[in-house]
């Protein structure tokens, strides 16, 4: 996996290792991996809405410091959602001639 937990504090390293192990243990189970992704998304949303937003800067100096940190350390946390079209990339599509409903 591409995440290097060693760049984080020890408690976050432990969380990253647990999540990576959980994902690897589910590597051949699409629905189980989807469940893990849903859990991570829910945790992300809960932390953002109930803890993080209350810590946002209240003055220009702190806002500037936050923006510099975001720029220097990889941007804003974001959970990317796949588009439906991407789900279809692995599904073989029949030829139009073979699948015509008029035949």
PDB file of N, CA and C in Angstrom:
ATOM      1  N   UNK A   1       0.848  -1.180   0.000  1.00  0.00           N
ATOM      2  CA  UNK A   1       0.000   0.000   0.000  1.00  0.00           C
ATOM      3  C   UNK A   1       0.890   1.239   0.000  1.00  0.00           C
ATOM      4  N   UNK A   2       0.364   2.348  -0.471  1.00  0.00           N
ATOM      5  CA  UNK A   2       1.191   3.531  -0.678  1.00  0.00           C
ATOM      6  C   UNK A   2       1.292   4.452   0.528  1.00  0.00           C
ATOM      7  N   UNK A   3       0.592   4.177   1.610  1.00  0.00           N
ATOM      8  CA  UNK A   3       0.645   5.028   2.797  1.00  0.00           C
ATOM      9  C   UNK A   3       1.805   4.573   3.681  1.00  0.00           C
ATOM     10  N   UNK A   4       2.650   5.530   4.087  1.00  0.00           N
ATOM     11  CA  UNK A   4       3.760   5.230   4.984  1.00  0.00           C
ATOM     12  C   UNK A   4       3.402   5.713   6.381  1.00  0.00           C
ATOM     13  N   UNK A   5       2.938   4.819   7.249  1.00  0.00           N
ATOM     14  CA  UNK A   5       2.506   5.227   8.584  1.00  0.00           C
ATOM     15  C   UNK A   5       3.625   5.818   9.438  1.00  0.00           C
ATOM     16  N   UNK A   6       4.888   5.546   9.097  1.00  0.00           N
ATOM     17  CA  UNK A   6       5.997   5.995   9.941  1.00  0.00           C
ATOM     18  C   UNK A   6       6.142   7.513   9.988  1.00  0.00           C
ATOM     19  N   UNK A   7       5.471   8.228   9.111  1.00  0.00           N
ATOM     20  CA  UNK A   7       5.550   9.691   9.109  1.00  0.00           C
ATOM     21  C   UNK A   7       4.558  10.322  10.080  1.00  0.00           C
ATOM     22  N   UNK A   8       3.775   9.509  10.767  1.00  0.00           N
ATOM     23  CA  UNK A   8       2.738  10.001  11.679  1.00  0.00           C
ATOM     24  C   UNK A   8       3.095   9.679  13.129  1.00  0.00           C
ATOM     25  N   UNK A   9       2.429  10.339  14.090  1.00  0.00           N
ATOM     26  CA  UNK A   9       2.640   9.994  15.503  1.00  0.00           C
ATOM     27  C   UNK A   9       2.292   8.522  15.762  1.00  0.00           C
ATOM     28  N   UNK A  10       2.824   7.988  16.837  1.00  0.00           N
ATOM     29  CA  UNK A  10       2.704   6.561  17.139  1.00  0.00           C
ATOM     30  C   UNK A  10       1.262   6.068  17.193  1.00  0.00           C
ATOM     31  N   UNK A  11       0.355   6.842  17.807  1.00  0.00           N
ATOM     32  CA  UNK A  11      -1.035   6.383  17.901  1.00  0.00           C
ATOM     33  C   UNK A  11      -1.686   6.319  16.522  1.00  0.00           C
ATOM     34  N   UNK A  12      -1.335   7.259  15.634  1.00  0.00           N
ATOM     35  CA  UNK A  12      -1.888   7.228  14.275  1.00  0.00           C
ATOM     36  C   UNK A  12      -1.239   6.129  13.440  1.00  0.00           C
ATOM     37  N   UNK A  13       0.030   5.821  13.715  1.00  0.00           N
ATOM     38  CA  UNK A  13       0.682   4.693  13.046  1.00  0.00           C
ATOM     39  C   UNK A  13      -0.064   3.397  13.348  1.00  0.00           C
ATOM     40  N   UNK A  14      -0.463   3.230  14.604  1.00  0.00           N
ATOM     41  CA  UNK A  14      -1.195   2.019  15.004  1.00  0.00           C
ATOM     42  C   UNK A  14      -2.532   1.932  14.277  1.00  0.00           C
ATOM     43  N   UNK A  15      -3.224   3.069  14.171  1.00  0.00           N
ATOM     44  CA  UNK A  15      -4.509   3.089  13.455  1.00  0.00           C
ATOM     45  C   UNK A  15      -4.291   2.748  11.987  1.00  0.00           C
ATOM     46  N   UNK A  16      -3.286   3.361  11.367  1.00  0.00           N
ATOM     47  CA  UNK A  16      -3.006   3.108   9.950  1.00  0.00           C
ATOM     48  C   UNK A  16      -2.694   1.636   9.710  1.00  0.00           C
ATOM     49  N   UNK A  17      -1.913   1.050  10.591  1.00  0.00           N
ATOM     50  CA  UNK A  17      -1.570  -0.367  10.452  1.00  0.00           C
ATOM     51  C   UNK A  17      -2.811  -1.244  10.577  1.00  0.00           C
ATOM     52  N   UNK A  18      -3.682  -0.936  11.529  1.00  0.00           N
ATOM     53  CA  UNK A  18      -4.924  -1.705  11.691  1.00  0.00           C
ATOM     54  C   UNK A  18      -5.811  -1.596  10.453  1.00  0.00           C
ATOM     55  N   UNK A  19      -5.935  -0.390   9.913  1.00  0.00           N
ATOM     56  CA  UNK A  19      -6.775  -0.193   8.725  1.00  0.00           C
ATOM     57  C   UNK A  19      -6.168  -0.922   7.529  1.00  0.00           C
ATOM     58  N   UNK A  20      -4.849  -0.806   7.345  1.00  0.00           N
ATOM     59  CA  UNK A  20      -4.202  -1.513   6.239  1.00  0.00           C
ATOM     60  C   UNK A  20      -4.373  -3.023   6.376  1.00  0.00           C
ATOM     61  N   UNK A  21      -4.198  -3.543   7.572  1.00  0.00           N
ATOM     62  CA  UNK A  21      -4.389  -4.988   7.795  1.00  0.00           C
ATOM     63  C   UNK A  21      -5.829  -5.403   7.514  1.00  0.00           C
ATOM     64  N   UNK A  22      -6.782  -4.569   7.935  1.00  0.00           N
ATOM     65  CA  UNK A  22      -8.197  -4.869   7.676  1.00  0.00           C
ATOM     66  C   UNK A  22      -8.470  -4.886   6.174  1.00  0.00           C
ATOM     67  N   UNK A  23      -7.889  -3.943   5.446  1.00  0.00           N
ATOM     68  CA  UNK A  23      -8.088  -3.884   3.991  1.00  0.00           C
ATOM     69  C   UNK A  23      -7.447  -5.087   3.304  1.00  0.00           C
ATOM     70  N   UNK A  24      -6.236  -5.416   3.681  1.00  0.00           N
ATOM     71  CA  UNK A  24      -5.543  -6.557   3.076  1.00  0.00           C
ATOM     72  C   UNK A  24      -6.299  -7.852   3.360  1.00  0.00           C
ATOM     73  N   UNK A  25      -6.853  -7.980   4.540  1.00  0.00           N
ATOM     74  CA  UNK A  25      -7.629  -9.168   4.885  1.00  0.00           C
ATOM     75  C   UNK A  25      -8.920  -9.296   4.099  1.00  0.00           C
ATOM     76  N   UNK A  26      -9.344  -8.213   3.470  1.00  0.00           N
ATOM     77  CA  UNK A  26     -10.580  -8.204   2.682  1.00  0.00           C
ATOM     78  C   UNK A  26     -10.303  -8.023   1.189  1.00  0.00           C
ATOM     79  N   UNK A  27      -9.065  -8.209   0.756  1.00  0.00           N
ATOM     80  CA  UNK A  27      -8.651  -7.831  -0.595  1.00  0.00           C
ATOM     81  C   UNK A  27      -9.448  -8.486  -1.719  1.00  0.00           C
ATOM     82  N   UNK A  28     -10.025  -9.616  -1.497  1.00  0.00           N
ATOM     83  CA  UNK A  28     -10.790 -10.288  -2.553  1.00  0.00           C
ATOM     84  C   UNK A  28     -12.296 -10.190  -2.346  1.00  0.00           C
ATOM     85  N   UNK A  29     -12.727  -9.331  -1.451  1.00  0.00           N
ATOM     86  CA  UNK A  29     -14.146  -9.214  -1.113  1.00  0.00           C
ATOM     87  C   UNK A  29     -14.615  -7.771  -1.306  1.00  0.00           C
ATOM     88  N   UNK A  30     -15.184  -7.505  -2.458  1.00  0.00           N
ATOM     89  CA  UNK A  30     -15.608  -6.152  -2.829  1.00  0.00           C
ATOM     90  C   UNK A  30     -16.556  -5.539  -1.796  1.00  0.00           C
ATOM     91  N   UNK A  31     -17.564  -6.286  -1.367  1.00  0.00           N
ATOM     92  CA  UNK A  31     -18.548  -5.743  -0.428  1.00  0.00           C
ATOM     93  C   UNK A  31     -17.934  -5.461   0.942  1.00  0.00           C
ATOM     94  N   UNK A  32     -17.015  -6.304   1.353  1.00  0.00           N
ATOM     95  CA  UNK A  32     -16.349  -6.086   2.631  1.00  0.00           C
ATOM     96  C   UNK A  32     -15.438  -4.859   2.574  1.00  0.00           C
ATOM     97  N   UNK A  33     -14.737  -4.682   1.457  1.00  0.00           N
ATOM     98  CA  UNK A  33     -13.914  -3.480   1.275  1.00  0.00           C
ATOM     99  C   UNK A  33     -14.784  -2.229   1.217  1.00  0.00           C
ATOM    100  N   UNK A  34     -15.928  -2.335   0.564  1.00  0.00           N
ATOM    101  CA  UNK A  34     -16.859  -1.209   0.506  1.00  0.00           C
ATOM    102  C   UNK A  34     -17.337  -0.839   1.907  1.00  0.00           C
ATOM    103  N   UNK A  35     -17.593  -1.832   2.726  1.00  0.00           N
ATOM    104  CA  UNK A  35     -17.995  -1.587   4.110  1.00  0.00           C
ATOM    105  C   UNK A  35     -16.892  -0.845   4.873  1.00  0.00           C
ATOM    106  N   UNK A  36     -15.653  -1.249   4.675  1.00  0.00           N
ATOM    107  CA  UNK A  36     -14.523  -0.573   5.310  1.00  0.00           C
ATOM    108  C   UNK A  36     -14.429   0.875   4.838  1.00  0.00           C
ATOM    109  N   UNK A  37     -14.576   1.103   3.539  1.00  0.00           N
ATOM    110  CA  UNK A  37     -14.537   2.472   3.009  1.00  0.00           C
ATOM    111  C   UNK A  37     -15.668   3.325   3.576  1.00  0.00           C
ATOM    112  N   UNK A  38     -16.846   2.736   3.718  1.00  0.00           N
ATOM    113  CA  UNK A  38     -17.974   3.481   4.312  1.00  0.00           C
ATOM    114  C   UNK A  38     -17.682   3.861   5.761  1.00  0.00           C
ATOM    115  N   UNK A  39     -17.085   2.945   6.499  1.00  0.00           N
ATOM    116  CA  UNK A  39     -16.722   3.241   7.883  1.00  0.00           C
ATOM    117  C   UNK A  39     -15.711   4.384   7.941  1.00  0.00           C
ATOM    118  N   UNK A  40     -14.688   4.323   7.099  1.00  0.00           N
ATOM    119  CA  UNK A  40     -13.676   5.381   7.086  1.00  0.00           C
ATOM    120  C   UNK A  40     -14.285   6.723   6.699  1.00  0.00           C
ATOM    121  N   UNK A  41     -15.198   6.710   5.739  1.00  0.00           N
ATOM    122  CA  UNK A  41     -15.871   7.946   5.340  1.00  0.00           C
ATOM    123  C   UNK A  41     -16.711   8.501   6.491  1.00  0.00           C
ATOM    124  N   UNK A  42     -17.419   7.636   7.199  1.00  0.00           N
ATOM    125  CA  UNK A  42     -18.245   8.083   8.327  1.00  0.00           C
ATOM    126  C   UNK A  42     -17.375   8.654   9.444  1.00  0.00           C
ATOM    127  N   UNK A  43     -16.241   8.015   9.713  1.00  0.00           N
ATOM    128  CA  UNK A  43     -15.319   8.536  10.721  1.00  0.00           C
ATOM    129  C   UNK A  43     -14.759   9.891  10.301  1.00  0.00           C
ATOM    130  N   UNK A  44     -14.396  10.008   9.033  1.00  0.00           N
ATOM    131  CA  UNK A  44     -13.893  11.274   8.487  1.00  0.00           C
ATOM    132  C   UNK A  44     -14.923  12.383   8.688  1.00  0.00           C
ATOM    133  N   UNK A  45     -16.154  12.103   8.328  1.00  0.00           N
ATOM    134  CA  UNK A  45     -17.232  13.095   8.452  1.00  0.00           C
ATOM    135  C   UNK A  45     -17.469  13.465   9.920  1.00  0.00           C
ATOM    136  N   UNK A  46     -17.490  12.467  10.791  1.00  0.00           N
ATOM    137  CA  UNK A  46     -17.736  12.710  12.209  1.00  0.00           C
ATOM    138  C   UNK A  46     -16.624  13.560  12.833  1.00  0.00           C
ATOM    139  N   UNK A  47     -15.385  13.236  12.533  1.00  0.00           N
ATOM    140  CA  UNK A  47     -14.261  14.025  13.060  1.00  0.00           C
ATOM    141  C   UNK A  47     -14.321  15.449  12.527  1.00  0.00           C
ATOM    142  N   UNK A  48     -14.591  15.596  11.238  1.00  0.00           N
ATOM    143  CA  UNK A  48     -14.655  16.932  10.628  1.00  0.00           C
ATOM    144  C   UNK A  48     -15.763  17.775  11.254  1.00  0.00           C
ATOM    145  N   UNK A  49     -16.957  17.195  11.388  1.00  0.00           N
ATOM    146  CA  UNK A  49     -18.114  17.966  11.845  1.00  0.00           C
ATOM    147  C   UNK A  49     -18.128  18.213  13.348  1.00  0.00           C
ATOM    148  N   UNK A  50     -17.624  17.282  14.148  1.00  0.00           N
ATOM    149  CA  UNK A  50     -17.779  17.393  15.598  1.00  0.00           C
ATOM    150  C   UNK A  50     -16.505  17.789  16.338  1.00  0.00           C
ATOM    151  N   UNK A  51     -15.364  17.700  15.696  1.00  0.00           N
ATOM    152  CA  UNK A  51     -14.118  18.049  16.378  1.00  0.00           C
ATOM    153  C   UNK A  51     -13.313  19.097  15.602  1.00  0.00           C
ATOM    154  N   UNK A  52     -13.052  18.816  14.333  1.00  0.00           N
ATOM    155  CA  UNK A  52     -12.155  19.658  13.544  1.00  0.00           C
ATOM    156  C   UNK A  52     -12.698  21.067  13.332  1.00  0.00           C
ATOM    157  N   UNK A  53     -13.955  21.187  12.964  1.00  0.00           N
ATOM    158  CA  UNK A  53     -14.508  22.508  12.652  1.00  0.00           C
ATOM    159  C   UNK A  53     -14.415  23.465  13.833  1.00  0.00           C
ATOM    160  N   UNK A  54     -14.509  22.958  15.046  1.00  0.00           N
ATOM    161  CA  UNK A  54     -14.398  23.808  16.235  1.00  0.00           C
ATOM    162  C   UNK A  54     -12.981  24.332  16.450  1.00  0.00           C
ATOM    163  N   UNK A  55     -11.996  23.711  15.802  1.00  0.00           N
ATOM    164  CA  UNK A  55     -10.606  24.128  15.982  1.00  0.00           C
ATOM    165  C   UNK A  55     -10.119  25.067  14.888  1.00  0.00           C
ATOM    166  N   UNK A  56     -10.976  25.383  13.916  1.00  0.00           N
ATOM    167  CA  UNK A  56     -10.549  26.253  12.813  1.00  0.00           C
ATOM    168  C   UNK A  56     -10.160  27.634  13.336  1.00  0.00           C
ATOM    169  N   UNK A  57      -9.225  28.289  12.649  1.00  0.00           N
ATOM    170  CA  UNK A  57      -8.698  29.580  13.106  1.00  0.00           C
ATOM    171  C   UNK A  57      -9.776  30.649  13.267  1.00  0.00           C
ATOM    172  N   UNK A  58      -9.530  31.517  14.255  1.00  0.00           N
ATOM    173  CA  UNK A  58     -10.437  32.623  14.530  1.00  0.00           C
ATOM    174  C   UNK A  58      -9.781  33.973  14.221  1.00  0.00           C
ATOM    175  N   UNK A  59      -8.524  33.938  13.751  1.00  0.00           N
ATOM    176  CA  UNK A  59      -7.863  35.190  13.371  1.00  0.00           C
ATOM    177  C   UNK A  59      -6.985  34.959  12.143  1.00  0.00           C
ATOM    178  N   UNK A  60      -6.522  36.035  11.553  1.00  0.00           N
ATOM    179  CA  UNK A  60      -5.766  35.952  10.296  1.00  0.00           C
ATOM    180  C   UNK A  60      -4.439  35.221  10.446  1.00  0.00           C
ATOM    181  N   UNK A  61      -3.744  35.465  11.541  1.00  0.00           N
ATOM    182  CA  UNK A  61      -2.442  34.825  11.728  1.00  0.00           C
ATOM    183  C   UNK A  61      -2.582  33.302  11.787  1.00  0.00           C
ATOM    184  N   UNK A  62      -3.549  32.832  12.540  1.00  0.00           N
ATOM    185  CA  UNK A  62      -3.762  31.384  12.641  1.00  0.00           C
ATOM    186  C   UNK A  62      -4.277  30.801  11.333  1.00  0.00           C
ATOM    187  N   UNK A  63      -5.106  31.553  10.619  1.00  0.00           N
ATOM    188  CA  UNK A  63      -5.577  31.105   9.308  1.00  0.00           C
ATOM    189  C   UNK A  63      -4.401  30.982   8.344  1.00  0.00           C
ATOM    190  N   UNK A  64      -3.532  31.967   8.347  1.00  0.00           N
ATOM    191  CA  UNK A  64      -2.351  31.933   7.487  1.00  0.00           C
ATOM    192  C   UNK A  64      -1.486  30.714   7.819  1.00  0.00           C
ATOM    193  N   UNK A  65      -1.277  30.455   9.101  1.00  0.00           N
ATOM    194  CA  UNK A  65      -0.475  29.300   9.515  1.00  0.00           C
ATOM    195  C   UNK A  65      -1.121  27.988   9.053  1.00  0.00           C
ATOM    196  N   UNK A  66      -2.438  27.895   9.170  1.00  0.00           N
ATOM    197  CA  UNK A  66      -3.145  26.695   8.715  1.00  0.00           C
ATOM    198  C   UNK A  66      -2.995  26.519   7.207  1.00  0.00           C
ATOM    199  N   UNK A  67      -3.187  27.587   6.451  1.00  0.00           N
ATOM    200  CA  UNK A  67      -3.081  27.504   4.993  1.00  0.00           C
ATOM    201  C   UNK A  67      -1.662  27.138   4.557  1.00  0.00           C
ATOM    202  N   UNK A  68      -0.665  27.659   5.241  1.00  0.00           N
ATOM    203  CA  UNK A  68       0.725  27.297   4.917  1.00  0.00           C
ATOM    204  C   UNK A  68       0.967  25.816   5.202  1.00  0.00           C
ATOM    205  N   UNK A  69       0.432  25.320   6.308  1.00  0.00           N
ATOM    206  CA  UNK A  69       0.585  23.908   6.634  1.00  0.00           C
ATOM    207  C   UNK A  69      -0.111  23.034   5.592  1.00  0.00           C
ATOM    208  N   UNK A  70      -1.305  23.436   5.190  1.00  0.00           N
ATOM    209  CA  UNK A  70      -2.039  22.682   4.170  1.00  0.00           C
ATOM    210  C   UNK A  70      -1.237  22.637   2.877  1.00  0.00           C
ATOM    211  N   UNK A  71      -0.678  23.767   2.483  1.00  0.00           N
ATOM    212  CA  UNK A  71       0.100  23.830   1.249  1.00  0.00           C
ATOM    213  C   UNK A  71       1.384  23.005   1.356  1.00  0.00           C
ATOM    214  N   UNK A  72       2.039  23.061   2.492  1.00  0.00           N
ATOM    215  CA  UNK A  72       3.324  22.382   2.657  1.00  0.00           C
ATOM    216  C   UNK A  72       3.194  20.881   2.886  1.00  0.00           C
ATOM    217  N   UNK A  73       2.074  20.446   3.432  1.00  0.00           N
ATOM    218  CA  UNK A  73       1.963  19.048   3.860  1.00  0.00           C
ATOM    219  C   UNK A  73       0.887  18.245   3.154  1.00  0.00           C
ATOM    220  N   UNK A  74       0.554  18.594   1.946  1.00  0.00           N
ATOM    221  CA  UNK A  74      -0.284  17.705   1.163  1.00  0.00           C
ATOM    222  C   UNK A  74      -1.738  18.056   1.008  1.00  0.00           C
ATOM    223  N   UNK A  75      -2.124  19.244   1.311  1.00  0.00           N
ATOM    224  CA  UNK A  75      -3.478  19.658   0.999  1.00  0.00           C
ATOM    225  C   UNK A  75      -4.512  19.265   2.029  1.00  0.00           C
ATOM    226  N   UNK A  76      -5.742  19.477   1.644  1.00  0.00           N
ATOM    227  CA  UNK A  76      -6.898  19.262   2.499  1.00  0.00           C
ATOM    228  C   UNK A  76      -7.300  17.793   2.461  1.00  0.00           C
ATOM    229  N   UNK A  77      -7.630  17.191   3.603  1.00  0.00           N
ATOM    230  CA  UNK A  77      -8.077  15.793   3.585  1.00  0.00           C
ATOM    231  C   UNK A  77      -9.357  15.643   2.759  1.00  0.00           C
ATOM    232  N   UNK A  78      -9.385  14.636   1.935  1.00  0.00           N
ATOM    233  CA  UNK A  78     -10.519  14.444   1.039  1.00  0.00           C
ATOM    234  C   UNK A  78     -10.705  12.957   0.815  1.00  0.00           C
ATOM    235  N   UNK A  79     -11.946  12.527   0.813  1.00  0.00           N
ATOM    236  CA  UNK A  79     -12.243  11.132   0.485  1.00  0.00           C
ATOM    237  C   UNK A  79     -12.883  11.125  -0.898  1.00  0.00           C
ATOM    238  N   UNK A  80     -12.139  10.588  -1.861  1.00  0.00           N
ATOM    239  CA  UNK A  80     -12.583  10.551  -3.251  1.00  0.00           C
ATOM    240  C   UNK A  80     -13.643   9.466  -3.441  1.00  0.00           C
ATOM    241  N   UNK A  81     -14.684   9.803  -4.162  1.00  0.00           N
ATOM    242  CA  UNK A  81     -15.720   8.813  -4.490  1.00  0.00           C
ATOM    243  C   UNK A  81     -15.588   8.414  -5.953  1.00  0.00           C
ATOM    244  N   UNK A  82     -15.699   7.133  -6.185  1.00  0.00           N
ATOM    245  CA  UNK A  82     -15.640   6.645  -7.563  1.00  0.00           C
ATOM    246  C   UNK A  82     -16.902   7.050  -8.305  1.00  0.00           C
ATOM    247  N   UNK A  83     -16.756   7.266  -9.581  1.00  0.00           N
ATOM    248  CA  UNK A  83     -17.915   7.523 -10.426  1.00  0.00           C
ATOM    249  C   UNK A  83     -18.449   6.177 -10.926  1.00  0.00           C
ATOM    250  N   UNK A  84     -19.736   6.133 -11.189  1.00  0.00           N
ATOM    251  CA  UNK A  84     -20.370   4.895 -11.663  1.00  0.00           C
ATOM    252  C   UNK A  84     -19.662   4.378 -12.913  1.00  0.00           C
ATOM    253  N   UNK A  85     -19.260   5.271 -13.784  1.00  0.00           N
ATOM    254  CA  UNK A  85     -18.597   4.869 -15.025  1.00  0.00           C
ATOM    255  C   UNK A  85     -17.350   4.032 -14.727  1.00  0.00           C
ATOM    256  N   UNK A  86     -16.622   4.393 -13.683  1.00  0.00           N
ATOM    257  CA  UNK A  86     -15.406   3.668 -13.301  1.00  0.00           C
ATOM    258  C   UNK A  86     -15.748   2.241 -12.862  1.00  0.00           C
ATOM    259  N   UNK A  87     -16.912   2.044 -12.250  1.00  0.00           N
ATOM    260  CA  UNK A  87     -17.331   0.701 -11.852  1.00  0.00           C
ATOM    261  C   UNK A  87     -17.526  -0.199 -13.067  1.00  0.00           C
ATOM    262  N   UNK A  88     -17.919   0.398 -14.174  1.00  0.00           N
ATOM    263  CA  UNK A  88     -18.191  -0.373 -15.381  1.00  0.00           C
ATOM    264  C   UNK A  88     -16.928  -0.722 -16.161  1.00  0.00           C
ATOM    265  N   UNK A  89     -15.794  -0.128 -15.809  1.00  0.00           N
ATOM    266  CA  UNK A  89     -14.553  -0.376 -16.542  1.00  0.00           C
ATOM    267  C   UNK A  89     -14.158  -1.848 -16.551  1.00  0.00           C
ATOM    268  N   UNK A  90     -14.489  -2.591 -15.516  1.00  0.00           N
ATOM    269  CA  UNK A  90     -14.094  -3.997 -15.426  1.00  0.00           C
ATOM    270  C   UNK A  90     -15.171  -4.960 -15.913  1.00  0.00           C
ATOM    271  N   UNK A  91     -16.306  -4.424 -16.336  1.00  0.00           N
ATOM    272  CA  UNK A  91     -17.412  -5.274 -16.781  1.00  0.00           C
ATOM    273  C   UNK A  91     -17.399  -5.335 -18.302  1.00  0.00           C
ATOM    274  N   UNK A  92     -17.254  -6.535 -18.871  1.00  0.00           N
ATOM    275  CA  UNK A  92     -17.268  -6.628 -20.333  1.00  0.00           C
ATOM    276  C   UNK A  92     -18.650  -6.263 -20.878  1.00  0.00           C
ATOM    277  N   UNK A  93     -18.656  -5.424 -21.884  1.00  0.00           N
ATOM    278  CA  UNK A  93     -19.905  -4.999 -22.499  1.00  0.00           C
ATOM    279  C   UNK A  93     -20.125  -5.792 -23.787  1.00  0.00           C
ATOM    280  N   UNK A  94     -21.339  -6.258 -24.015  1.00  0.00           N
ATOM    281  CA  UNK A  94     -21.618  -6.995 -25.251  1.00  0.00           C
ATOM    282  C   UNK A  94     -21.566  -6.048 -26.447  1.00  0.00           C
ATOM    283  N   UNK A  95     -21.290  -6.624 -27.624  1.00  0.00           N
ATOM    284  CA  UNK A  95     -21.330  -5.822 -28.851  1.00  0.00           C
ATOM    285  C   UNK A  95     -22.744  -5.331 -29.063  1.00  0.00           C
ATOM    286  N   UNK A  96     -22.888  -4.152 -29.659  1.00  0.00           N
ATOM    287  CA  UNK A  96     -24.214  -3.581 -29.903  1.00  0.00           C
ATOM    288  C   UNK A  96     -25.073  -4.500 -30.767  1.00  0.00           C
ATOM    289  N   UNK A  97     -24.460  -5.126 -31.752  1.00  0.00           N
ATOM    290  CA  UNK A  97     -25.222  -5.993 -32.650  1.00  0.00           C
ATOM    291  C   UNK A  97     -25.761  -7.217 -31.906  1.00  0.00           C
ATOM    292  N   UNK A  98     -24.975  -7.743 -30.989  1.00  0.00           N
ATOM    293  CA  UNK A  98     -25.393  -8.935 -30.256  1.00  0.00           C
ATOM    294  C   UNK A  98     -26.457  -8.630 -29.212  1.00  0.00           C
ATOM    295  N   UNK A  99     -26.490  -7.405 -28.722  1.00  0.00           N
ATOM    296  CA  UNK A  99     -27.400  -7.099 -27.626  1.00  0.00           C
ATOM    297  C   UNK A  99     -28.624  -6.312 -28.067  1.00  0.00           C
ATOM    298  N   UNK A 100     -28.857  -6.243 -29.340  1.00  0.00           N
ATOM    299  CA  UNK A 100     -29.989  -5.475 -29.841  1.00  0.00           C
ATOM    300  C   UNK A 100     -31.303  -6.089 -29.368  1.00  0.00           C
ATOM    301  N   UNK A 101     -32.175  -5.290 -28.737  1.00  0.00           N
ATOM    302  CA  UNK A 101     -33.446  -5.826 -28.248  1.00  0.00           C
ATOM    303  C   UNK A 101     -34.428  -6.146 -29.373  1.00  0.00           C
ATOM    304  N   UNK A 102     -34.114  -5.736 -30.606  1.00  0.00           N
ATOM    305  CA  UNK A 102     -35.032  -5.965 -31.718  1.00  0.00           C
ATOM    306  C   UNK A 102     -34.842  -7.324 -32.366  1.00  0.00           C
ATOM    307  N   UNK A 103     -33.797  -8.036 -32.041  1.00  0.00           N
ATOM    308  CA  UNK A 103     -33.551  -9.340 -32.674  1.00  0.00           C
ATOM    309  C   UNK A 103     -34.405 -10.423 -32.084  1.00  0.00           C
TER     310      UNK A 103
END
